[in-house]
């Protein structure tokens, strides 16, 4: 199994070095492409914890994962927001119960006169349509349903994402423990710990007051020393047994 991280901001290829210079973790399409080529058809697990970034870089990563000729499992382990939520739609997707997905409209900053602003509006609308396609292809939801999620800047828990079909599985969901058994173990453990505490205090006091009697303070030879040492151990064992 090959593991690939998608963490930090999603940035265009060639700009990684600037972030890395400052010690900031980022992910670029080039990094993912190289990792997939090195995997060479082996099963791949992609671990996501990212707040998003540049959309066209995200689209490229999505396409690379889609085109990979081996098994791909995507695991959302923390935040999966903005364009990263699109990347997560590429293949089979699992989500930690501690993670969240955030879906929203594409945003940008622009300057200029009213014509520039109107042009930006049209660009954003088309970018939203393109982004919505990832959710529609994954879940089968309608375009309107996808737009509503995006308009509302929707934050989703693992359970909510599973119900919508955005993820295929919740991680660790098979690790179930019988509650009655758990409570029984908890109660027994509490009782045991309390009894150990009392025993431990008694032992400490006895050990503190205890002075083993050795007949020969200075051993004449090694055998004599070992004999006296074993006698002392035996006395300690008897002491503990009688508590």
C-alpha atoms as a PDB file:
ATOM      1  CA  UNK A   1       0.000   0.000   0.000  1.00  0.00           C
ATOM      2  CA  UNK A   2       1.297   3.442  -0.995  1.00  0.00           C
ATOM      3  CA  UNK A   3       0.292   6.455   1.127  1.00  0.00           C
ATOM      4  CA  UNK A   4      -0.017   9.948  -0.321  1.00  0.00           C
ATOM      5  CA  UNK A   5      -0.732  13.055   1.744  1.00  0.00           C
ATOM      6  CA  UNK A   6      -2.900  15.941   0.593  1.00  0.00           C
ATOM      7  CA  UNK A   7      -2.279  18.424   3.358  1.00  0.00           C
ATOM      8  CA  UNK A   8      -1.967  22.162   3.654  1.00  0.00           C
ATOM      9  CA  UNK A   9      -2.966  24.589   0.908  1.00  0.00           C
ATOM     10  CA  UNK A  10      -3.535  23.376  -2.649  1.00  0.00           C
ATOM     11  CA  UNK A  11      -1.167  25.408  -4.852  1.00  0.00           C
ATOM     12  CA  UNK A  12      -0.170  25.445  -8.539  1.00  0.00           C
ATOM     13  CA  UNK A  13       2.815  23.335  -9.523  1.00  0.00           C
ATOM     14  CA  UNK A  14       6.066  25.263  -9.356  1.00  0.00           C
ATOM     15  CA  UNK A  15       5.081  27.356  -6.345  1.00  0.00           C
ATOM     16  CA  UNK A  16       5.738  24.665  -3.728  1.00  0.00           C
ATOM     17  CA  UNK A  17       9.248  25.898  -3.027  1.00  0.00           C
ATOM     18  CA  UNK A  18       8.039  29.276  -1.775  1.00  0.00           C
ATOM     19  CA  UNK A  19       5.851  27.696   0.896  1.00  0.00           C
ATOM     20  CA  UNK A  20       8.452  25.069   1.744  1.00  0.00           C
ATOM     21  CA  UNK A  21      11.014  27.837   2.224  1.00  0.00           C
ATOM     22  CA  UNK A  22       8.911  29.079   5.138  1.00  0.00           C
ATOM     23  CA  UNK A  23       8.195  25.556   6.381  1.00  0.00           C
ATOM     24  CA  UNK A  24       4.543  25.633   5.286  1.00  0.00           C
ATOM     25  CA  UNK A  25       3.051  22.349   4.138  1.00  0.00           C
ATOM     26  CA  UNK A  26       1.363  22.485   0.731  1.00  0.00           C
ATOM     27  CA  UNK A  27       0.195  20.130  -1.997  1.00  0.00           C
ATOM     28  CA  UNK A  28       0.531  20.670  -5.730  1.00  0.00           C
ATOM     29  CA  UNK A  29      -0.582  18.661  -8.781  1.00  0.00           C
ATOM     30  CA  UNK A  30       3.049  17.930  -9.619  1.00  0.00           C
ATOM     31  CA  UNK A  31       3.601  16.289  -6.227  1.00  0.00           C
ATOM     32  CA  UNK A  32       0.572  14.052  -6.677  1.00  0.00           C
ATOM     33  CA  UNK A  33       1.506  13.162 -10.246  1.00  0.00           C
ATOM     34  CA  UNK A  34       5.004  12.102  -9.184  1.00  0.00           C
ATOM     35  CA  UNK A  35       3.664  10.083  -6.258  1.00  0.00           C
ATOM     36  CA  UNK A  36       1.170   8.245  -8.485  1.00  0.00           C
ATOM     37  CA  UNK A  37       3.816   7.500 -11.091  1.00  0.00           C
ATOM     38  CA  UNK A  38       6.054   6.062  -8.396  1.00  0.00           C
ATOM     39  CA  UNK A  39       3.136   3.946  -7.133  1.00  0.00           C
ATOM     40  CA  UNK A  40       2.987   2.404 -10.615  1.00  0.00           C
ATOM     41  CA  UNK A  41      -0.435   0.779 -10.305  1.00  0.00           C
ATOM     42  CA  UNK A  42      -0.107  -0.344  -6.683  1.00  0.00           C
ATOM     43  CA  UNK A  43      -3.028   0.331  -4.311  1.00  0.00           C
ATOM     44  CA  UNK A  44      -2.907   3.902  -3.038  1.00  0.00           C
ATOM     45  CA  UNK A  45      -4.387   5.518   0.070  1.00  0.00           C
ATOM     46  CA  UNK A  46      -4.711   9.306  -0.085  1.00  0.00           C
ATOM     47  CA  UNK A  47      -4.912  11.035   3.303  1.00  0.00           C
ATOM     48  CA  UNK A  48      -6.630  14.435   3.279  1.00  0.00           C
ATOM     49  CA  UNK A  49      -6.400  17.264   5.787  1.00  0.00           C
ATOM     50  CA  UNK A  50      -6.608  20.519   3.870  1.00  0.00           C
ATOM     51  CA  UNK A  51      -8.585  23.729   3.845  1.00  0.00           C
ATOM     52  CA  UNK A  52      -8.435  24.020   0.059  1.00  0.00           C
ATOM     53  CA  UNK A  53      -6.693  26.424  -2.266  1.00  0.00           C
ATOM     54  CA  UNK A  54      -6.456  27.159  -5.987  1.00  0.00           C
ATOM     55  CA  UNK A  55      -9.333  25.504  -7.841  1.00  0.00           C
ATOM     56  CA  UNK A  56      -7.643  24.559 -11.111  1.00  0.00           C
ATOM     57  CA  UNK A  57      -4.821  22.880  -9.228  1.00  0.00           C
ATOM     58  CA  UNK A  58      -7.491  20.973  -7.341  1.00  0.00           C
ATOM     59  CA  UNK A  59      -9.208  19.994 -10.586  1.00  0.00           C
ATOM     60  CA  UNK A  60      -5.883  18.667 -11.891  1.00  0.00           C
ATOM     61  CA  UNK A  61      -5.348  16.558  -8.778  1.00  0.00           C
ATOM     62  CA  UNK A  62      -8.915  15.242  -9.101  1.00  0.00           C
ATOM     63  CA  UNK A  63      -8.229  14.188 -12.697  1.00  0.00           C
ATOM     64  CA  UNK A  64      -4.923  12.524 -11.779  1.00  0.00           C
ATOM     65  CA  UNK A  65      -6.668  10.418  -9.134  1.00  0.00           C
ATOM     66  CA  UNK A  66      -9.488   9.579 -11.530  1.00  0.00           C
ATOM     67  CA  UNK A  67      -7.039   8.462 -14.229  1.00  0.00           C
ATOM     68  CA  UNK A  68      -4.794   6.361 -11.983  1.00  0.00           C
ATOM     69  CA  UNK A  69      -4.808   2.753 -13.175  1.00  0.00           C
ATOM     70  CA  UNK A  70      -4.790   1.216  -9.709  1.00  0.00           C
ATOM     71  CA  UNK A  71      -6.999   1.090  -6.641  1.00  0.00           C
ATOM     72  CA  UNK A  72      -7.364   4.410  -4.825  1.00  0.00           C
ATOM     73  CA  UNK A  73      -8.903   4.936  -1.399  1.00  0.00           C
ATOM     74  CA  UNK A  74      -9.304   8.482  -0.120  1.00  0.00           C
ATOM     75  CA  UNK A  75      -9.373   9.032   3.634  1.00  0.00           C
ATOM     76  CA  UNK A  76     -10.632  12.333   5.045  1.00  0.00           C
ATOM     77  CA  UNK A  77      -8.816  12.574   8.364  1.00  0.00           C
ATOM     78  CA  UNK A  78      -9.358  16.187   9.396  1.00  0.00           C
ATOM     79  CA  UNK A  79     -10.595  19.165   7.404  1.00  0.00           C
ATOM     80  CA  UNK A  80     -11.647  18.647   3.812  1.00  0.00           C
ATOM     81  CA  UNK A  81     -12.771  22.064   2.638  1.00  0.00           C
ATOM     82  CA  UNK A  82     -13.361  24.015  -0.526  1.00  0.00           C
ATOM     83  CA  UNK A  83     -11.495  22.569  -3.533  1.00  0.00           C
ATOM     84  CA  UNK A  84     -10.201  19.695  -1.408  1.00  0.00           C
ATOM     85  CA  UNK A  85     -13.782  18.455  -1.081  1.00  0.00           C
ATOM     86  CA  UNK A  86     -13.791  18.185  -4.883  1.00  0.00           C
ATOM     87  CA  UNK A  87     -10.578  16.138  -4.807  1.00  0.00           C
ATOM     88  CA  UNK A  88     -12.199  13.760  -2.296  1.00  0.00           C
ATOM     89  CA  UNK A  89     -14.927  12.982  -4.843  1.00  0.00           C
ATOM     90  CA  UNK A  90     -12.454  11.401  -7.262  1.00  0.00           C
ATOM     91  CA  UNK A  91     -12.520   7.833  -5.927  1.00  0.00           C
ATOM     92  CA  UNK A  92     -13.798   5.661  -3.073  1.00  0.00           C
ATOM     93  CA  UNK A  93     -13.832   7.865   0.000  1.00  0.00           C
ATOM     94  CA  UNK A  94     -13.744   7.118   3.718  1.00  0.00           C
ATOM     95  CA  UNK A  95     -14.176   9.738   6.422  1.00  0.00           C
ATOM     96  CA  UNK A  96     -13.059   9.833  10.014  1.00  0.00           C
ATOM     97  CA  UNK A  97     -15.857  10.471  12.539  1.00  0.00           C
ATOM     98  CA  UNK A  98     -13.677  13.353  13.753  1.00  0.00           C
ATOM     99  CA  UNK A  99     -13.421  15.015  10.329  1.00  0.00           C
ATOM    100  CA  UNK A 100     -15.534  17.605   8.524  1.00  0.00           C
ATOM    101  CA  UNK A 101     -16.272  18.488   4.906  1.00  0.00           C
ATOM    102  CA  UNK A 102     -16.976  22.060   3.865  1.00  0.00           C
ATOM    103  CA  UNK A 103     -18.589  22.874   0.521  1.00  0.00           C
ATOM    104  CA  UNK A 104     -18.998  26.434  -0.741  1.00  0.00           C
ATOM    105  CA  UNK A 105     -19.045  28.678  -3.792  1.00  0.00           C
ATOM    106  CA  UNK A 106     -15.896  29.564  -5.660  1.00  0.00           C
ATOM    107  CA  UNK A 107     -14.561  32.965  -4.626  1.00  0.00           C
ATOM    108  CA  UNK A 108     -12.068  35.445  -6.023  1.00  0.00           C
ATOM    109  CA  UNK A 109     -10.866  39.005  -5.682  1.00  0.00           C
ATOM    110  CA  UNK A 110     -10.963  41.447  -8.535  1.00  0.00           C
ATOM    111  CA  UNK A 111     -10.645  45.126  -9.346  1.00  0.00           C
ATOM    112  CA  UNK A 112     -11.732  47.386 -12.160  1.00  0.00           C
ATOM    113  CA  UNK A 113     -14.897  48.982 -13.455  1.00  0.00           C
ATOM    114  CA  UNK A 114     -18.408  47.538 -13.698  1.00  0.00           C
ATOM    115  CA  UNK A 115     -17.485  45.539 -16.802  1.00  0.00           C
ATOM    116  CA  UNK A 116     -14.687  43.791 -14.917  1.00  0.00           C
ATOM    117  CA  UNK A 117     -17.063  43.027 -12.055  1.00  0.00           C
ATOM    118  CA  UNK A 118     -19.730  41.647 -14.389  1.00  0.00           C
ATOM    119  CA  UNK A 119     -17.119  39.522 -16.108  1.00  0.00           C
ATOM    120  CA  UNK A 120     -15.959  38.160 -12.727  1.00  0.00           C
ATOM    121  CA  UNK A 121     -19.546  37.224 -11.885  1.00  0.00           C
ATOM    122  CA  UNK A 122     -19.822  35.148 -15.041  1.00  0.00           C
ATOM    123  CA  UNK A 123     -16.458  33.497 -14.408  1.00  0.00           C
ATOM    124  CA  UNK A 124     -17.499  32.577 -10.860  1.00  0.00           C
ATOM    125  CA  UNK A 125     -20.838  31.157 -12.012  1.00  0.00           C
ATOM    126  CA  UNK A 126     -19.092  28.898 -14.498  1.00  0.00           C
ATOM    127  CA  UNK A 127     -16.516  27.894 -11.912  1.00  0.00           C
ATOM    128  CA  UNK A 128     -19.360  26.959  -9.558  1.00  0.00           C
ATOM    129  CA  UNK A 129     -20.977  24.860 -12.283  1.00  0.00           C
ATOM    130  CA  UNK A 130     -17.702  23.051 -12.907  1.00  0.00           C
ATOM    131  CA  UNK A 131     -17.174  22.450  -9.196  1.00  0.00           C
ATOM    132  CA  UNK A 132     -20.719  21.178  -8.695  1.00  0.00           C
ATOM    133  CA  UNK A 133     -20.099  18.485 -11.301  1.00  0.00           C
ATOM    134  CA  UNK A 134     -17.792  16.654  -8.891  1.00  0.00           C
ATOM    135  CA  UNK A 135     -20.537  16.353  -6.249  1.00  0.00           C
ATOM    136  CA  UNK A 136     -23.150  15.431  -8.849  1.00  0.00           C
ATOM    137  CA  UNK A 137     -21.003  12.674 -10.366  1.00  0.00           C
ATOM    138  CA  UNK A 138     -20.200  11.246  -6.947  1.00  0.00           C
ATOM    139  CA  UNK A 139     -23.674  11.286  -5.405  1.00  0.00           C
ATOM    140  CA  UNK A 140     -26.204  11.506  -8.226  1.00  0.00           C
ATOM    141  CA  UNK A 141     -27.699  14.629  -6.638  1.00  0.00           C
ATOM    142  CA  UNK A 142     -29.248  17.251  -8.874  1.00  0.00           C
ATOM    143  CA  UNK A 143     -27.500  20.423  -9.927  1.00  0.00           C
ATOM    144  CA  UNK A 144     -29.885  22.476  -7.799  1.00  0.00           C
ATOM    145  CA  UNK A 145     -29.103  20.342  -4.748  1.00  0.00           C
ATOM    146  CA  UNK A 146     -25.399  20.851  -5.277  1.00  0.00           C
ATOM    147  CA  UNK A 147     -25.860  24.598  -5.678  1.00  0.00           C
ATOM    148  CA  UNK A 148     -27.855  24.802  -2.445  1.00  0.00           C
ATOM    149  CA  UNK A 149     -25.025  23.132  -0.533  1.00  0.00           C
ATOM    150  CA  UNK A 150     -22.520  25.508  -2.087  1.00  0.00           C
ATOM    151  CA  UNK A 151     -24.625  28.647  -1.566  1.00  0.00           C
ATOM    152  CA  UNK A 152     -25.068  27.829   2.116  1.00  0.00           C
ATOM    153  CA  UNK A 153     -21.355  27.121   2.746  1.00  0.00           C
ATOM    154  CA  UNK A 154     -22.302  23.724   4.140  1.00  0.00           C
ATOM    155  CA  UNK A 155     -20.273  22.019   6.869  1.00  0.00           C
ATOM    156  CA  UNK A 156     -20.842  18.296   7.119  1.00  0.00           C
ATOM    157  CA  UNK A 157     -20.008  15.683   9.723  1.00  0.00           C
ATOM    158  CA  UNK A 158     -19.145  12.150   8.671  1.00  0.00           C
ATOM    159  CA  UNK A 159     -22.725  10.947   9.250  1.00  0.00           C
ATOM    160  CA  UNK A 160     -24.175  13.800   7.193  1.00  0.00           C
ATOM    161  CA  UNK A 161     -21.666  13.303   4.376  1.00  0.00           C
ATOM    162  CA  UNK A 162     -22.477   9.586   4.286  1.00  0.00           C
ATOM    163  CA  UNK A 163     -26.218  10.249   4.054  1.00  0.00           C
ATOM    164  CA  UNK A 164     -25.643  12.580   1.101  1.00  0.00           C
ATOM    165  CA  UNK A 165     -23.400  10.047  -0.619  1.00  0.00           C
ATOM    166  CA  UNK A 166     -20.353  12.297  -0.550  1.00  0.00           C
ATOM    167  CA  UNK A 167     -18.406   9.566   1.246  1.00  0.00           C
ATOM    168  CA  UNK A 168     -18.747   5.813   0.988  1.00  0.00           C
ATOM    169  CA  UNK A 169     -17.796   4.770   4.488  1.00  0.00           C
ATOM    170  CA  UNK A 170     -17.144   6.098   7.976  1.00  0.00           C
ATOM    171  CA  UNK A 171     -13.774   5.002   9.274  1.00  0.00           C
ATOM    172  CA  UNK A 172     -13.573   2.851  12.425  1.00  0.00           C
ATOM    173  CA  UNK A 173     -17.341   2.225  12.299  1.00  0.00           C
ATOM    174  CA  UNK A 174     -16.756  -1.534  12.668  1.00  0.00           C
ATOM    175  CA  UNK A 175     -15.004  -1.036  15.994  1.00  0.00           C
ATOM    176  CA  UNK A 176     -18.081  -1.524  18.174  1.00  0.00           C
ATOM    177  CA  UNK A 177     -18.025  -2.416  21.870  1.00  0.00           C
ATOM    178  CA  UNK A 178     -20.938  -3.878  23.841  1.00  0.00           C
ATOM    179  CA  UNK A 179     -22.010  -1.122  26.270  1.00  0.00           C
ATOM    180  CA  UNK A 180     -22.991  -3.554  29.028  1.00  0.00           C
ATOM    181  CA  UNK A 181     -19.621  -5.248  28.793  1.00  0.00           C
ATOM    182  CA  UNK A 182     -17.900  -1.862  28.784  1.00  0.00           C
ATOM    183  CA  UNK A 183     -19.770  -0.738  31.921  1.00  0.00           C
ATOM    184  CA  UNK A 184     -18.997  -4.038  33.638  1.00  0.00           C
ATOM    185  CA  UNK A 185     -15.316  -3.689  32.829  1.00  0.00           C
ATOM    186  CA  UNK A 186     -15.354  -0.093  34.018  1.00  0.00           C
ATOM    187  CA  UNK A 187     -16.989  -0.978  37.356  1.00  0.00           C
ATOM    188  CA  UNK A 188     -14.691  -3.928  37.927  1.00  0.00           C
ATOM    189  CA  UNK A 189     -11.681  -1.814  37.064  1.00  0.00           C
ATOM    190  CA  UNK A 190     -12.771   0.870  39.552  1.00  0.00           C
ATOM    191  CA  UNK A 191     -13.217  -1.713  42.298  1.00  0.00           C
ATOM    192  CA  UNK A 192      -9.890  -3.301  41.510  1.00  0.00           C
ATOM    193  CA  UNK A 193      -8.053   0.017  41.490  1.00  0.00           C
ATOM    194  CA  UNK A 194      -9.582   0.992  44.845  1.00  0.00           C
ATOM    195  CA  UNK A 195      -8.583  -2.316  46.426  1.00  0.00           C
ATOM    196  CA  UNK A 196      -5.089  -2.060  45.013  1.00  0.00           C
ATOM    197  CA  UNK A 197      -4.767   1.403  46.475  1.00  0.00           C
ATOM    198  CA  UNK A 198      -5.567   0.112  49.978  1.00  0.00           C
ATOM    199  CA  UNK A 199      -3.266  -2.847  49.586  1.00  0.00           C
ATOM    200  CA  UNK A 200      -0.529  -0.622  48.283  1.00  0.00           C
ATOM    201  CA  UNK A 201      -0.730   1.711  51.296  1.00  0.00           C
ATOM    202  CA  UNK A 202      -0.554  -1.226  53.714  1.00  0.00           C
ATOM    203  CA  UNK A 203       2.355  -2.691  51.868  1.00  0.00           C
ATOM    204  CA  UNK A 204       4.220   0.582  51.832  1.00  0.00           C
ATOM    205  CA  UNK A 205       3.833   0.919  55.594  1.00  0.00           C
ATOM    206  CA  UNK A 206       4.912  -2.675  56.245  1.00  0.00           C
ATOM    207  CA  UNK A 207       7.866  -2.368  53.905  1.00  0.00           C
ATOM    208  CA  UNK A 208       8.853   0.914  55.505  1.00  0.00           C
ATOM    209  CA  UNK A 209       8.837  -0.633  58.995  1.00  0.00           C
ATOM    210  CA  UNK A 210      10.361  -3.892  57.895  1.00  0.00           C
ATOM    211  CA  UNK A 211      14.006  -4.697  58.648  1.00  0.00           C
ATOM    212  CA  UNK A 212      15.121  -8.111  57.413  1.00  0.00           C
ATOM    213  CA  UNK A 213      17.299 -10.019  59.875  1.00  0.00           C
ATOM    214  CA  UNK A 214      20.515 -11.311  58.405  1.00  0.00           C
ATOM    215  CA  UNK A 215      22.604 -13.416  60.734  1.00  0.00           C
ATOM    216  CA  UNK A 216      25.901 -12.492  59.155  1.00  0.00           C
ATOM    217  CA  UNK A 217      26.234  -8.787  58.351  1.00  0.00           C
ATOM    218  CA  UNK A 218      29.420  -9.482  56.425  1.00  0.00           C
ATOM    219  CA  UNK A 219      29.103 -12.601  54.283  1.00  0.00           C
ATOM    220  CA  UNK A 220      32.040 -14.938  54.450  1.00  0.00           C
ATOM    221  CA  UNK A 221      31.616 -16.209  50.923  1.00  0.00           C
ATOM    222  CA  UNK A 222      29.300 -15.906  47.923  1.00  0.00           C
ATOM    223  CA  UNK A 223      27.176 -18.931  48.859  1.00  0.00           C
ATOM    224  CA  UNK A 224      26.554 -17.586  52.338  1.00  0.00           C
ATOM    225  CA  UNK A 225      25.579 -14.201  50.925  1.00  0.00           C
ATOM    226  CA  UNK A 226      23.073 -15.722  48.478  1.00  0.00           C
ATOM    227  CA  UNK A 227      21.579 -17.862  51.246  1.00  0.00           C
ATOM    228  CA  UNK A 228      20.965 -14.848  53.463  1.00  0.00           C
ATOM    229  CA  UNK A 229      19.585 -12.869  50.514  1.00  0.00           C
ATOM    230  CA  UNK A 230      17.109 -15.636  49.681  1.00  0.00           C
ATOM    231  CA  UNK A 231      16.012 -15.818  53.300  1.00  0.00           C
ATOM    232  CA  UNK A 232      15.262 -12.108  53.243  1.00  0.00           C
ATOM    233  CA  UNK A 233      13.194 -12.521  50.051  1.00  0.00           C
ATOM    234  CA  UNK A 234      11.268 -15.373  51.655  1.00  0.00           C
ATOM    235  CA  UNK A 235      10.477 -13.210  54.661  1.00  0.00           C
ATOM    236  CA  UNK A 236       9.149 -10.469  52.388  1.00  0.00           C
ATOM    237  CA  UNK A 237       6.939 -12.948  50.520  1.00  0.00           C
ATOM    238  CA  UNK A 238       5.525 -14.286  53.764  1.00  0.00           C
ATOM    239  CA  UNK A 239       4.885 -10.744  54.911  1.00  0.00           C
ATOM    240  CA  UNK A 240       2.915  -9.929  51.775  1.00  0.00           C
ATOM    241  CA  UNK A 241       0.957 -13.186  51.923  1.00  0.00           C
ATOM    242  CA  UNK A 242      -0.221 -12.394  55.467  1.00  0.00           C
ATOM    243  CA  UNK A 243      -1.627  -8.949  54.635  1.00  0.00           C
END
